[in-house]
């Protein structure tokens, strides 16, 4: 596996860090991972998801943006979305090429907003929404009305979980609700239950990949 890290020039000259994992033998599958604000690509859920994607033959791009500090934190809401759109499009343009016939978007928390914005520019073959911001109407409507094969995973103790929205959403999309889990898909300070959840979620993601890879 080849590993490359670096920076791209993003919105208004801000640097966007990336990590690119590429198989030594050419792959036709590429996964973009858009992490959360404080939940990086090295956190358990995304770390083991990355391992799973690599195992399933995907090259992987971690979009390691910094949306917690200046200048992003000082932007208006409108400019924040413009920034996220520009940065996502820049990363996609650099790493997506004709050799990839299959593209997967994976978003965690605010990363699901990045995906929603990116769908105006690029349509992947599959999407995995992890703890999405369905408390936001713009994110929820984009997810609900999408026709792209997708898997959505959230905990019922997540502040972003809205039961009424979820009940409608799960009727039209593939979902997995984790009972008792918070926004990190953890069970408070219970490490044993949290590890069980992590294993279960990775298994659900693997099943989704296997099912949808066969259709392509």
N, C-alpha and C. Protein backbone atom coordinates (compact mmCIF):
# COMPACT_ATOMS: atom_id res chain seq x y z
N UNK A 1 0.85 -1.19 0.00
CA UNK A 1 0.00 0.00 0.00
C UNK A 1 0.88 1.24 0.00
N UNK A 2 0.65 2.13 -0.93
CA UNK A 2 1.37 3.40 -0.95
C UNK A 2 0.58 4.44 -0.16
N UNK A 3 1.30 5.23 0.63
CA UNK A 3 0.66 6.25 1.46
C UNK A 3 1.30 7.61 1.16
N UNK A 4 0.47 8.58 0.85
CA UNK A 4 0.98 9.91 0.54
C UNK A 4 0.18 10.94 1.32
N UNK A 5 0.87 11.86 1.96
CA UNK A 5 0.21 12.95 2.68
C UNK A 5 0.69 14.27 2.10
N UNK A 6 -0.15 15.28 2.21
CA UNK A 6 0.24 16.58 1.71
C UNK A 6 -0.85 17.60 1.93
N UNK A 7 -0.71 18.74 1.25
CA UNK A 7 -1.68 19.82 1.36
C UNK A 7 -2.07 20.31 -0.02
N UNK A 8 -3.33 20.71 -0.16
CA UNK A 8 -3.80 21.36 -1.36
C UNK A 8 -4.25 22.77 -0.99
N UNK A 9 -4.17 23.67 -1.97
CA UNK A 9 -4.63 25.03 -1.71
C UNK A 9 -6.14 25.07 -1.85
N UNK A 10 -6.80 25.40 -0.76
CA UNK A 10 -8.25 25.43 -0.74
C UNK A 10 -8.81 26.83 -0.84
N UNK A 11 -9.96 27.01 -0.25
CA UNK A 11 -10.70 28.27 -0.32
C UNK A 11 -9.87 29.43 0.23
N UNK A 12 -9.77 30.51 -0.55
CA UNK A 12 -9.02 31.71 -0.15
C UNK A 12 -7.60 31.40 0.31
N UNK A 13 -6.99 30.39 -0.30
CA UNK A 13 -5.60 30.07 0.00
C UNK A 13 -5.39 29.21 1.23
N UNK A 14 -6.47 28.82 1.94
CA UNK A 14 -6.28 27.99 3.12
C UNK A 14 -5.82 26.58 2.72
N UNK A 15 -4.99 25.99 3.54
CA UNK A 15 -4.45 24.67 3.24
C UNK A 15 -5.41 23.57 3.68
N UNK A 16 -5.58 22.58 2.81
CA UNK A 16 -6.40 21.42 3.12
C UNK A 16 -5.49 20.19 3.12
N UNK A 17 -5.36 19.58 4.28
CA UNK A 17 -4.51 18.40 4.40
C UNK A 17 -5.23 17.16 3.86
N UNK A 18 -4.47 16.25 3.29
CA UNK A 18 -5.05 14.99 2.80
C UNK A 18 -4.10 13.84 3.08
N UNK A 19 -4.66 12.65 3.11
CA UNK A 19 -3.89 11.41 3.11
C UNK A 19 -4.46 10.54 2.01
N UNK A 20 -3.59 10.04 1.15
CA UNK A 20 -4.01 9.23 0.00
C UNK A 20 -3.40 7.84 0.15
N UNK A 21 -4.26 6.84 0.25
CA UNK A 21 -3.83 5.45 0.34
C UNK A 21 -4.13 4.78 -0.99
N UNK A 22 -3.10 4.26 -1.64
CA UNK A 22 -3.23 3.73 -2.99
C UNK A 22 -2.64 2.32 -3.06
N UNK A 23 -3.40 1.39 -3.58
CA UNK A 23 -2.90 0.04 -3.75
C UNK A 23 -1.73 0.01 -4.74
N UNK A 24 -0.80 -0.89 -4.51
CA UNK A 24 0.33 -1.01 -5.43
C UNK A 24 -0.12 -1.50 -6.80
N UNK A 25 -1.12 -2.39 -6.79
CA UNK A 25 -1.74 -2.79 -8.05
C UNK A 25 -2.91 -1.85 -8.31
N UNK A 26 -3.05 -1.33 -9.53
CA UNK A 26 -4.08 -0.32 -9.82
C UNK A 26 -5.48 -0.77 -9.40
N UNK A 27 -6.19 0.12 -8.75
CA UNK A 27 -7.57 -0.13 -8.32
C UNK A 27 -8.53 0.69 -9.17
N UNK A 28 -9.74 0.20 -9.31
CA UNK A 28 -10.77 0.95 -10.04
C UNK A 28 -11.78 1.56 -9.08
N UNK A 29 -11.50 1.45 -7.76
CA UNK A 29 -12.44 1.92 -6.74
C UNK A 29 -11.76 2.96 -5.84
N UNK A 30 -12.49 4.03 -5.57
CA UNK A 30 -11.94 5.12 -4.76
C UNK A 30 -12.97 5.57 -3.73
N UNK A 31 -12.51 5.71 -2.48
CA UNK A 31 -13.37 6.19 -1.39
C UNK A 31 -12.83 7.52 -0.86
N UNK A 32 -13.71 8.51 -0.77
CA UNK A 32 -13.39 9.79 -0.14
C UNK A 32 -14.00 9.79 1.25
N UNK A 33 -13.19 10.10 2.27
CA UNK A 33 -13.69 10.14 3.64
C UNK A 33 -13.67 11.58 4.14
N UNK A 34 -14.86 12.07 4.48
CA UNK A 34 -15.04 13.42 5.01
C UNK A 34 -15.34 13.29 6.50
N UNK A 35 -14.37 13.56 7.38
CA UNK A 35 -14.55 13.32 8.82
C UNK A 35 -15.36 14.39 9.52
N UNK A 36 -15.50 14.22 10.83
CA UNK A 36 -16.22 15.20 11.64
C UNK A 36 -15.30 16.32 12.08
N UNK A 37 -15.83 17.25 12.87
CA UNK A 37 -15.01 18.36 13.35
C UNK A 37 -13.90 17.87 14.27
N UNK A 38 -14.30 17.21 15.36
CA UNK A 38 -13.31 16.68 16.29
C UNK A 38 -13.09 15.19 16.13
N UNK A 39 -13.79 14.60 15.18
CA UNK A 39 -13.70 13.15 14.96
C UNK A 39 -12.92 12.93 13.67
N UNK A 40 -11.61 12.75 13.80
CA UNK A 40 -10.73 12.67 12.64
C UNK A 40 -10.77 11.29 11.99
N UNK A 41 -10.07 11.17 10.88
CA UNK A 41 -10.01 9.90 10.18
C UNK A 41 -9.23 8.85 10.96
N UNK A 42 -8.54 9.26 12.03
CA UNK A 42 -7.81 8.32 12.88
C UNK A 42 -8.63 7.84 14.06
N UNK A 43 -9.82 8.39 14.25
CA UNK A 43 -10.70 7.93 15.32
C UNK A 43 -11.25 6.55 14.96
N UNK A 44 -11.66 5.75 15.96
CA UNK A 44 -11.95 4.33 15.73
C UNK A 44 -12.87 4.01 14.56
N UNK A 45 -14.01 4.67 14.46
CA UNK A 45 -14.97 4.33 13.42
C UNK A 45 -14.40 4.54 12.03
N UNK A 46 -13.74 5.66 11.80
CA UNK A 46 -13.18 5.94 10.47
C UNK A 46 -11.88 5.18 10.23
N UNK A 47 -11.12 4.93 11.29
CA UNK A 47 -9.88 4.15 11.15
C UNK A 47 -10.19 2.74 10.66
N UNK A 48 -11.15 2.09 11.31
CA UNK A 48 -11.47 0.71 10.92
C UNK A 48 -12.30 0.66 9.64
N UNK A 49 -13.08 1.69 9.37
CA UNK A 49 -13.77 1.77 8.09
C UNK A 49 -12.75 1.85 6.95
N UNK A 50 -11.72 2.65 7.16
CA UNK A 50 -10.66 2.76 6.15
C UNK A 50 -10.02 1.40 5.90
N UNK A 51 -9.71 0.67 6.96
CA UNK A 51 -9.13 -0.66 6.80
C UNK A 51 -10.06 -1.57 6.00
N UNK A 52 -11.35 -1.44 6.24
CA UNK A 52 -12.34 -2.24 5.52
C UNK A 52 -12.37 -1.87 4.04
N UNK A 53 -12.33 -0.58 3.75
CA UNK A 53 -12.34 -0.15 2.35
C UNK A 53 -11.10 -0.66 1.61
N UNK A 54 -9.97 -0.56 2.26
CA UNK A 54 -8.72 -1.07 1.65
C UNK A 54 -8.83 -2.56 1.41
N UNK A 55 -9.35 -3.29 2.38
CA UNK A 55 -9.52 -4.73 2.25
C UNK A 55 -10.42 -5.08 1.06
N UNK A 56 -11.41 -4.21 0.80
CA UNK A 56 -12.34 -4.43 -0.30
C UNK A 56 -11.85 -3.83 -1.61
N UNK A 57 -10.58 -3.44 -1.66
CA UNK A 57 -9.98 -3.02 -2.91
C UNK A 57 -10.05 -1.55 -3.24
N UNK A 58 -10.47 -0.72 -2.28
CA UNK A 58 -10.58 0.72 -2.54
C UNK A 58 -9.26 1.44 -2.26
N UNK A 59 -8.89 2.36 -3.13
CA UNK A 59 -7.97 3.41 -2.75
C UNK A 59 -8.77 4.39 -1.89
N UNK A 60 -8.09 5.09 -0.98
CA UNK A 60 -8.82 5.93 -0.02
C UNK A 60 -8.18 7.31 0.08
N UNK A 61 -9.02 8.34 0.10
CA UNK A 61 -8.57 9.71 0.35
C UNK A 61 -9.21 10.21 1.64
N UNK A 62 -8.39 10.56 2.62
CA UNK A 62 -8.87 11.23 3.83
C UNK A 62 -8.79 12.74 3.59
N UNK A 63 -9.91 13.42 3.71
CA UNK A 63 -9.94 14.87 3.57
C UNK A 63 -9.80 15.48 4.96
N UNK A 64 -8.58 15.85 5.31
CA UNK A 64 -8.29 16.26 6.69
C UNK A 64 -8.43 17.76 6.88
N UNK A 65 -9.62 18.28 6.62
CA UNK A 65 -9.84 19.72 6.75
C UNK A 65 -9.83 20.15 8.22
N UNK A 66 -9.56 21.42 8.43
CA UNK A 66 -9.60 22.00 9.78
C UNK A 66 -10.70 23.07 9.80
N UNK A 67 -11.86 22.67 10.30
CA UNK A 67 -12.99 23.59 10.33
C UNK A 67 -13.32 24.04 11.75
N UNK A 68 -12.33 23.94 12.65
CA UNK A 68 -12.53 24.37 14.03
C UNK A 68 -11.82 25.67 14.35
N UNK A 69 -10.83 26.04 13.53
CA UNK A 69 -10.03 27.22 13.83
C UNK A 69 -10.15 28.27 12.72
N UNK A 70 -9.53 29.42 12.95
CA UNK A 70 -9.54 30.50 11.96
C UNK A 70 -8.77 30.05 10.71
N UNK A 71 -9.15 30.53 9.51
CA UNK A 71 -10.19 31.56 9.30
C UNK A 71 -11.62 31.00 9.23
N UNK A 72 -11.76 29.67 9.14
CA UNK A 72 -13.10 29.09 8.94
C UNK A 72 -14.07 29.49 10.04
N UNK A 73 -13.60 29.46 11.27
CA UNK A 73 -14.48 29.74 12.41
C UNK A 73 -15.05 31.16 12.40
N UNK A 74 -14.40 32.07 11.67
CA UNK A 74 -14.86 33.45 11.63
C UNK A 74 -15.78 33.73 10.44
N UNK A 75 -15.97 32.73 9.57
CA UNK A 75 -16.81 32.92 8.39
C UNK A 75 -18.29 32.97 8.77
N UNK A 76 -19.08 33.64 7.93
CA UNK A 76 -20.53 33.56 8.04
C UNK A 76 -20.96 32.16 7.62
N UNK A 77 -22.22 31.80 7.92
CA UNK A 77 -22.71 30.49 7.53
C UNK A 77 -22.65 30.30 6.01
N UNK A 78 -22.97 31.34 5.28
CA UNK A 78 -22.93 31.27 3.82
C UNK A 78 -21.51 31.04 3.32
N UNK A 79 -20.55 31.76 3.91
CA UNK A 79 -19.17 31.60 3.47
C UNK A 79 -18.60 30.25 3.90
N UNK A 80 -19.04 29.74 5.04
CA UNK A 80 -18.59 28.42 5.46
C UNK A 80 -18.99 27.36 4.43
N UNK A 81 -20.21 27.46 3.92
CA UNK A 81 -20.66 26.50 2.92
C UNK A 81 -19.89 26.68 1.60
N UNK A 82 -19.59 27.92 1.25
CA UNK A 82 -18.80 28.17 0.04
C UNK A 82 -17.40 27.57 0.20
N UNK A 83 -16.84 27.70 1.39
CA UNK A 83 -15.52 27.15 1.68
C UNK A 83 -15.54 25.63 1.58
N UNK A 84 -16.52 25.00 2.21
CA UNK A 84 -16.62 23.54 2.19
C UNK A 84 -16.82 23.03 0.77
N UNK A 85 -17.60 23.73 -0.01
CA UNK A 85 -17.85 23.34 -1.40
C UNK A 85 -16.56 23.42 -2.21
N UNK A 86 -15.86 24.53 -2.08
CA UNK A 86 -14.62 24.72 -2.84
C UNK A 86 -13.58 23.66 -2.46
N UNK A 87 -13.41 23.43 -1.17
CA UNK A 87 -12.40 22.48 -0.71
C UNK A 87 -12.72 21.06 -1.16
N UNK A 88 -13.99 20.67 -1.07
CA UNK A 88 -14.39 19.33 -1.50
C UNK A 88 -14.18 19.16 -2.99
N UNK A 89 -14.56 20.14 -3.77
CA UNK A 89 -14.40 20.05 -5.22
C UNK A 89 -12.92 19.98 -5.60
N UNK A 90 -12.08 20.72 -4.88
CA UNK A 90 -10.64 20.69 -5.15
C UNK A 90 -10.07 19.30 -4.92
N UNK A 91 -10.44 18.69 -3.80
CA UNK A 91 -9.95 17.35 -3.48
C UNK A 91 -10.43 16.34 -4.51
N UNK A 92 -11.70 16.41 -4.88
CA UNK A 92 -12.26 15.48 -5.86
C UNK A 92 -11.55 15.62 -7.20
N UNK A 93 -11.33 16.85 -7.63
CA UNK A 93 -10.67 17.09 -8.92
C UNK A 93 -9.27 16.52 -8.95
N UNK A 94 -8.55 16.62 -7.84
CA UNK A 94 -7.16 16.17 -7.80
C UNK A 94 -7.06 14.65 -7.81
N UNK A 95 -7.94 13.98 -7.06
CA UNK A 95 -7.76 12.54 -6.87
C UNK A 95 -8.65 11.66 -7.73
N UNK A 96 -9.78 12.16 -8.19
CA UNK A 96 -10.62 11.32 -9.03
C UNK A 96 -10.12 11.38 -10.47
N UNK A 97 -10.03 10.22 -11.10
CA UNK A 97 -9.57 10.15 -12.48
C UNK A 97 -10.34 9.06 -13.21
N UNK A 98 -10.09 8.95 -14.51
CA UNK A 98 -10.82 7.98 -15.33
C UNK A 98 -10.55 6.53 -14.92
N UNK A 99 -9.45 6.30 -14.23
CA UNK A 99 -9.14 4.92 -13.85
C UNK A 99 -10.12 4.39 -12.80
N UNK A 100 -10.81 5.32 -12.11
CA UNK A 100 -11.77 4.91 -11.09
C UNK A 100 -13.17 4.86 -11.69
N UNK A 101 -13.71 3.65 -11.79
CA UNK A 101 -15.07 3.47 -12.32
C UNK A 101 -16.10 3.44 -11.20
N UNK A 102 -15.64 3.41 -9.96
CA UNK A 102 -16.53 3.30 -8.81
C UNK A 102 -16.04 4.23 -7.70
N UNK A 103 -16.93 5.10 -7.23
CA UNK A 103 -16.56 6.09 -6.22
C UNK A 103 -17.52 6.02 -5.04
N UNK A 104 -16.95 6.06 -3.85
CA UNK A 104 -17.71 6.00 -2.60
C UNK A 104 -17.43 7.26 -1.79
N UNK A 105 -18.49 7.91 -1.32
CA UNK A 105 -18.36 9.01 -0.37
C UNK A 105 -18.73 8.50 1.02
N UNK A 106 -17.91 8.86 2.01
CA UNK A 106 -18.18 8.50 3.40
C UNK A 106 -18.08 9.77 4.23
N UNK A 107 -19.15 10.10 4.96
CA UNK A 107 -19.13 11.31 5.76
C UNK A 107 -19.51 11.04 7.20
N UNK A 108 -18.83 11.71 8.12
CA UNK A 108 -19.13 11.62 9.55
C UNK A 108 -19.49 13.01 10.06
N UNK A 109 -20.69 13.16 10.60
CA UNK A 109 -21.13 14.41 11.20
C UNK A 109 -21.07 15.56 10.19
N UNK A 110 -20.22 16.56 10.42
CA UNK A 110 -20.15 17.69 9.49
C UNK A 110 -19.69 17.24 8.11
N UNK A 111 -19.03 16.08 8.07
CA UNK A 111 -18.64 15.52 6.78
C UNK A 111 -19.85 15.18 5.92
N UNK A 112 -21.00 14.93 6.56
CA UNK A 112 -22.21 14.66 5.78
C UNK A 112 -22.72 15.94 5.11
N UNK A 113 -22.46 17.08 5.74
CA UNK A 113 -22.79 18.35 5.10
C UNK A 113 -21.87 18.59 3.90
N UNK A 114 -20.60 18.27 4.06
CA UNK A 114 -19.66 18.39 2.93
C UNK A 114 -20.13 17.55 1.75
N UNK A 115 -20.61 16.34 2.03
CA UNK A 115 -21.10 15.47 0.96
C UNK A 115 -22.32 16.09 0.29
N UNK A 116 -23.26 16.57 1.08
CA UNK A 116 -24.47 17.18 0.51
C UNK A 116 -24.12 18.31 -0.44
N UNK A 117 -23.18 19.15 -0.03
CA UNK A 117 -22.75 20.26 -0.88
C UNK A 117 -22.05 19.73 -2.12
N UNK A 118 -21.26 18.67 -1.97
CA UNK A 118 -20.50 18.11 -3.09
C UNK A 118 -21.38 17.46 -4.15
N UNK A 119 -22.57 17.01 -3.75
CA UNK A 119 -23.45 16.33 -4.69
C UNK A 119 -23.94 17.25 -5.81
N UNK A 120 -23.80 18.54 -5.61
CA UNK A 120 -24.13 19.49 -6.67
C UNK A 120 -23.07 19.49 -7.76
N UNK A 121 -21.91 18.91 -7.42
CA UNK A 121 -20.76 18.93 -8.33
C UNK A 121 -20.39 17.56 -8.87
N UNK A 122 -20.52 16.54 -8.02
CA UNK A 122 -20.06 15.20 -8.39
C UNK A 122 -20.99 14.16 -7.75
N UNK A 123 -21.39 13.16 -8.51
CA UNK A 123 -22.27 12.11 -8.00
C UNK A 123 -21.48 10.80 -7.87
N UNK A 124 -21.30 10.31 -6.64
CA UNK A 124 -20.61 9.04 -6.45
C UNK A 124 -21.54 7.87 -6.74
N UNK A 125 -20.99 6.67 -6.73
CA UNK A 125 -21.81 5.47 -6.93
C UNK A 125 -22.52 5.04 -5.65
N UNK A 126 -21.91 5.35 -4.51
CA UNK A 126 -22.46 4.96 -3.21
C UNK A 126 -22.11 6.02 -2.17
N UNK A 127 -22.93 6.07 -1.11
CA UNK A 127 -22.67 6.98 0.00
C UNK A 127 -22.90 6.26 1.32
N UNK A 128 -22.02 6.50 2.28
CA UNK A 128 -22.23 6.03 3.65
C UNK A 128 -22.30 7.27 4.55
N UNK A 129 -23.48 7.45 5.16
CA UNK A 129 -23.72 8.58 6.05
C UNK A 129 -23.55 8.10 7.49
N UNK A 130 -22.56 8.61 8.20
CA UNK A 130 -22.31 8.22 9.59
C UNK A 130 -22.68 9.38 10.50
N UNK A 131 -23.59 9.13 11.43
CA UNK A 131 -24.13 10.15 12.34
C UNK A 131 -24.41 11.46 11.60
N UNK A 132 -25.25 11.41 10.56
CA UNK A 132 -25.50 12.61 9.74
C UNK A 132 -26.26 13.70 10.50
N UNK A 133 -26.15 14.91 9.99
CA UNK A 133 -26.79 16.06 10.62
C UNK A 133 -28.24 16.19 10.16
N UNK A 134 -29.04 15.16 10.47
CA UNK A 134 -30.43 15.18 10.00
C UNK A 134 -31.29 16.15 10.80
N UNK A 135 -30.71 16.75 11.84
CA UNK A 135 -31.40 17.83 12.54
C UNK A 135 -31.45 19.10 11.69
N UNK A 136 -30.57 19.15 10.66
CA UNK A 136 -30.59 20.25 9.70
C UNK A 136 -31.49 19.87 8.53
N UNK A 137 -32.43 20.73 8.22
CA UNK A 137 -33.37 20.42 7.14
C UNK A 137 -32.69 20.30 5.79
N UNK A 138 -31.65 21.12 5.54
CA UNK A 138 -30.98 21.07 4.24
C UNK A 138 -30.29 19.72 4.03
N UNK A 139 -29.64 19.22 5.08
CA UNK A 139 -28.97 17.91 4.99
C UNK A 139 -30.01 16.80 4.85
N UNK A 140 -31.02 16.85 5.69
CA UNK A 140 -32.05 15.81 5.68
C UNK A 140 -32.75 15.72 4.32
N UNK A 141 -33.13 16.84 3.74
CA UNK A 141 -33.84 16.84 2.47
C UNK A 141 -32.95 16.30 1.35
N UNK A 142 -31.68 16.67 1.37
CA UNK A 142 -30.76 16.18 0.34
C UNK A 142 -30.59 14.66 0.46
N UNK A 143 -30.47 14.16 1.67
CA UNK A 143 -30.34 12.72 1.89
C UNK A 143 -31.63 11.99 1.51
N UNK A 144 -32.74 12.52 1.95
CA UNK A 144 -34.03 11.87 1.72
C UNK A 144 -34.33 11.74 0.23
N UNK A 145 -34.00 12.76 -0.54
CA UNK A 145 -34.36 12.80 -1.95
C UNK A 145 -33.28 12.24 -2.88
N UNK A 146 -32.19 11.77 -2.30
CA UNK A 146 -31.12 11.21 -3.12
C UNK A 146 -31.51 9.83 -3.64
N UNK A 147 -31.10 9.54 -4.88
CA UNK A 147 -31.35 8.23 -5.48
C UNK A 147 -30.08 7.38 -5.55
N UNK A 148 -29.03 7.86 -4.91
CA UNK A 148 -27.77 7.13 -4.88
C UNK A 148 -27.84 6.06 -3.80
N UNK A 149 -27.46 4.81 -4.09
CA UNK A 149 -27.45 3.77 -3.06
C UNK A 149 -26.68 4.23 -1.83
N UNK A 150 -27.30 4.09 -0.66
CA UNK A 150 -26.66 4.64 0.53
C UNK A 150 -26.96 3.80 1.76
N UNK A 151 -26.11 3.97 2.76
CA UNK A 151 -26.29 3.37 4.08
C UNK A 151 -26.17 4.50 5.09
N UNK A 152 -27.12 4.58 6.00
CA UNK A 152 -27.12 5.63 7.02
C UNK A 152 -27.11 5.00 8.40
N UNK A 153 -26.16 5.45 9.24
CA UNK A 153 -25.98 4.88 10.58
C UNK A 153 -25.98 6.01 11.59
N UNK A 154 -26.78 5.87 12.64
CA UNK A 154 -26.86 6.88 13.69
C UNK A 154 -27.30 6.22 14.99
N UNK A 155 -26.98 6.85 16.12
CA UNK A 155 -27.42 6.37 17.42
C UNK A 155 -28.67 7.11 17.87
N UNK A 156 -29.53 6.45 18.63
CA UNK A 156 -30.77 7.11 19.05
C UNK A 156 -30.56 8.08 20.23
N UNK A 157 -29.32 8.16 20.74
CA UNK A 157 -28.99 9.15 21.76
C UNK A 157 -28.15 10.29 21.18
N UNK A 158 -28.03 10.30 19.88
CA UNK A 158 -27.31 11.36 19.17
C UNK A 158 -28.20 12.60 19.14
N UNK A 159 -27.69 13.78 19.51
CA UNK A 159 -28.51 15.00 19.44
C UNK A 159 -29.02 15.30 18.03
N UNK A 160 -28.36 14.75 17.01
CA UNK A 160 -28.79 14.97 15.63
C UNK A 160 -29.93 14.03 15.22
N UNK A 161 -30.20 13.04 16.04
CA UNK A 161 -31.26 12.08 15.73
C UNK A 161 -32.63 12.69 16.01
N UNK A 162 -33.46 12.73 14.99
CA UNK A 162 -34.84 13.22 15.13
C UNK A 162 -35.76 12.06 14.75
N UNK A 163 -36.47 11.53 15.71
CA UNK A 163 -37.24 10.30 15.49
C UNK A 163 -38.23 10.43 14.33
N UNK A 164 -38.95 11.53 14.28
CA UNK A 164 -39.96 11.69 13.24
C UNK A 164 -39.33 11.67 11.85
N UNK A 165 -38.21 12.34 11.71
CA UNK A 165 -37.51 12.35 10.42
C UNK A 165 -36.99 10.96 10.09
N UNK A 166 -36.45 10.28 11.09
CA UNK A 166 -35.87 8.96 10.89
C UNK A 166 -36.92 7.95 10.44
N UNK A 167 -38.10 8.00 11.04
CA UNK A 167 -39.17 7.05 10.71
C UNK A 167 -39.56 7.16 9.24
N UNK A 168 -39.58 8.37 8.71
CA UNK A 168 -39.87 8.55 7.28
C UNK A 168 -38.69 8.12 6.42
N UNK A 169 -37.51 8.52 6.84
CA UNK A 169 -36.30 8.26 6.07
C UNK A 169 -36.03 6.76 5.90
N UNK A 170 -36.21 5.99 6.96
CA UNK A 170 -35.84 4.57 6.91
C UNK A 170 -36.76 3.77 5.99
N UNK A 171 -37.89 4.35 5.59
CA UNK A 171 -38.80 3.67 4.67
C UNK A 171 -38.30 3.68 3.24
N UNK A 172 -37.36 4.56 2.94
CA UNK A 172 -36.89 4.69 1.56
C UNK A 172 -35.38 4.49 1.40
N UNK A 173 -34.66 4.35 2.51
CA UNK A 173 -33.21 4.18 2.43
C UNK A 173 -32.74 3.08 3.39
N UNK A 174 -31.60 2.51 3.09
CA UNK A 174 -31.01 1.49 3.96
C UNK A 174 -30.42 2.16 5.19
N UNK A 175 -30.82 1.68 6.37
CA UNK A 175 -30.41 2.35 7.61
C UNK A 175 -30.00 1.34 8.67
N UNK A 176 -29.31 1.87 9.68
CA UNK A 176 -28.94 1.07 10.85
C UNK A 176 -28.96 1.99 12.06
N UNK A 177 -29.92 1.77 12.96
CA UNK A 177 -30.05 2.58 14.17
C UNK A 177 -29.40 1.85 15.34
N UNK A 178 -28.49 2.55 16.03
CA UNK A 178 -27.77 1.95 17.15
C UNK A 178 -28.41 2.42 18.46
N UNK A 179 -29.04 1.51 19.14
CA UNK A 179 -29.74 1.85 20.39
C UNK A 179 -28.75 2.24 21.49
N UNK A 180 -29.02 3.39 22.09
CA UNK A 180 -28.21 3.84 23.22
C UNK A 180 -26.93 4.56 22.86
N UNK A 181 -26.63 4.68 21.56
CA UNK A 181 -25.35 5.26 21.14
C UNK A 181 -25.45 6.77 20.96
N UNK A 182 -24.36 7.45 21.26
CA UNK A 182 -24.29 8.91 21.14
C UNK A 182 -23.73 9.32 19.77
N UNK A 183 -23.29 10.57 19.64
CA UNK A 183 -22.84 11.08 18.35
C UNK A 183 -21.52 10.45 17.89
N UNK A 184 -20.79 9.85 18.81
CA UNK A 184 -19.56 9.13 18.45
C UNK A 184 -19.83 7.64 18.25
N UNK A 185 -21.10 7.27 18.32
CA UNK A 185 -21.51 5.86 18.29
C UNK A 185 -20.87 5.08 19.44
N UNK A 186 -20.79 5.74 20.58
CA UNK A 186 -20.31 5.14 21.82
C UNK A 186 -21.46 5.02 22.80
N UNK A 187 -21.24 4.16 23.82
CA UNK A 187 -22.18 4.07 24.94
C UNK A 187 -21.50 4.69 26.15
N UNK A 188 -21.56 6.00 26.26
CA UNK A 188 -20.99 6.70 27.42
C UNK A 188 -19.59 6.24 27.76
N UNK A 189 -19.41 5.79 29.01
CA UNK A 189 -18.09 5.35 29.47
C UNK A 189 -18.03 3.83 29.56
N UNK A 190 -18.82 3.16 28.74
CA UNK A 190 -18.83 1.69 28.72
C UNK A 190 -18.01 1.20 27.53
N UNK A 191 -16.70 0.96 27.72
CA UNK A 191 -15.85 0.61 26.58
C UNK A 191 -16.21 -0.73 25.94
N UNK A 192 -16.68 -1.68 26.73
CA UNK A 192 -16.98 -2.99 26.18
C UNK A 192 -18.17 -2.94 25.23
N UNK A 193 -19.22 -2.22 25.63
CA UNK A 193 -20.38 -2.06 24.76
C UNK A 193 -20.02 -1.24 23.52
N UNK A 194 -19.17 -0.24 23.71
CA UNK A 194 -18.76 0.60 22.58
C UNK A 194 -17.97 -0.19 21.56
N UNK A 195 -17.14 -1.10 22.02
CA UNK A 195 -16.36 -1.95 21.10
C UNK A 195 -17.30 -2.89 20.34
N UNK A 196 -18.31 -3.41 21.03
CA UNK A 196 -19.29 -4.28 20.36
C UNK A 196 -20.03 -3.50 19.27
N UNK A 197 -20.38 -2.26 19.56
CA UNK A 197 -21.06 -1.43 18.58
C UNK A 197 -20.17 -1.20 17.37
N UNK A 198 -18.91 -0.89 17.63
CA UNK A 198 -17.96 -0.66 16.54
C UNK A 198 -17.86 -1.88 15.63
N UNK A 199 -17.77 -3.06 16.23
CA UNK A 199 -17.69 -4.29 15.44
C UNK A 199 -18.96 -4.49 14.61
N UNK A 200 -20.09 -4.23 15.23
CA UNK A 200 -21.37 -4.40 14.54
C UNK A 200 -21.49 -3.42 13.38
N UNK A 201 -21.11 -2.17 13.60
CA UNK A 201 -21.21 -1.15 12.55
C UNK A 201 -20.29 -1.48 11.38
N UNK A 202 -19.08 -1.93 11.66
CA UNK A 202 -18.16 -2.30 10.58
C UNK A 202 -18.72 -3.47 9.79
N UNK A 203 -19.38 -4.40 10.46
CA UNK A 203 -20.00 -5.54 9.77
C UNK A 203 -21.15 -5.07 8.86
N UNK A 204 -21.94 -4.11 9.36
CA UNK A 204 -23.04 -3.57 8.56
C UNK A 204 -22.50 -2.86 7.32
N UNK A 205 -21.43 -2.10 7.48
CA UNK A 205 -20.81 -1.41 6.34
C UNK A 205 -20.27 -2.42 5.34
N UNK A 206 -19.66 -3.48 5.84
CA UNK A 206 -19.13 -4.51 4.95
C UNK A 206 -20.23 -5.17 4.13
N UNK A 207 -21.35 -5.46 4.78
CA UNK A 207 -22.49 -6.05 4.06
C UNK A 207 -23.01 -5.10 2.98
N UNK A 208 -23.05 -3.83 3.29
CA UNK A 208 -23.50 -2.83 2.31
C UNK A 208 -22.56 -2.80 1.10
N UNK A 209 -21.27 -2.82 1.37
CA UNK A 209 -20.30 -2.82 0.28
C UNK A 209 -20.43 -4.06 -0.58
N UNK A 210 -20.52 -5.22 0.06
CA UNK A 210 -20.60 -6.46 -0.69
C UNK A 210 -21.87 -6.50 -1.54
N UNK A 211 -22.97 -6.05 -0.98
CA UNK A 211 -24.24 -6.06 -1.70
C UNK A 211 -24.21 -5.13 -2.92
N UNK A 212 -23.66 -3.95 -2.74
CA UNK A 212 -23.69 -2.96 -3.81
C UNK A 212 -22.54 -3.08 -4.79
N UNK A 213 -21.41 -3.64 -4.36
CA UNK A 213 -20.32 -3.89 -5.31
C UNK A 213 -20.74 -4.90 -6.36
N UNK A 214 -21.59 -5.86 -5.98
CA UNK A 214 -22.04 -6.88 -6.92
C UNK A 214 -22.94 -6.30 -7.99
N UNK A 215 -23.60 -5.17 -7.69
CA UNK A 215 -24.54 -4.58 -8.63
C UNK A 215 -23.84 -3.73 -9.70
N UNK A 216 -22.56 -3.40 -9.43
CA UNK A 216 -21.84 -2.50 -10.35
C UNK A 216 -20.97 -3.30 -11.31
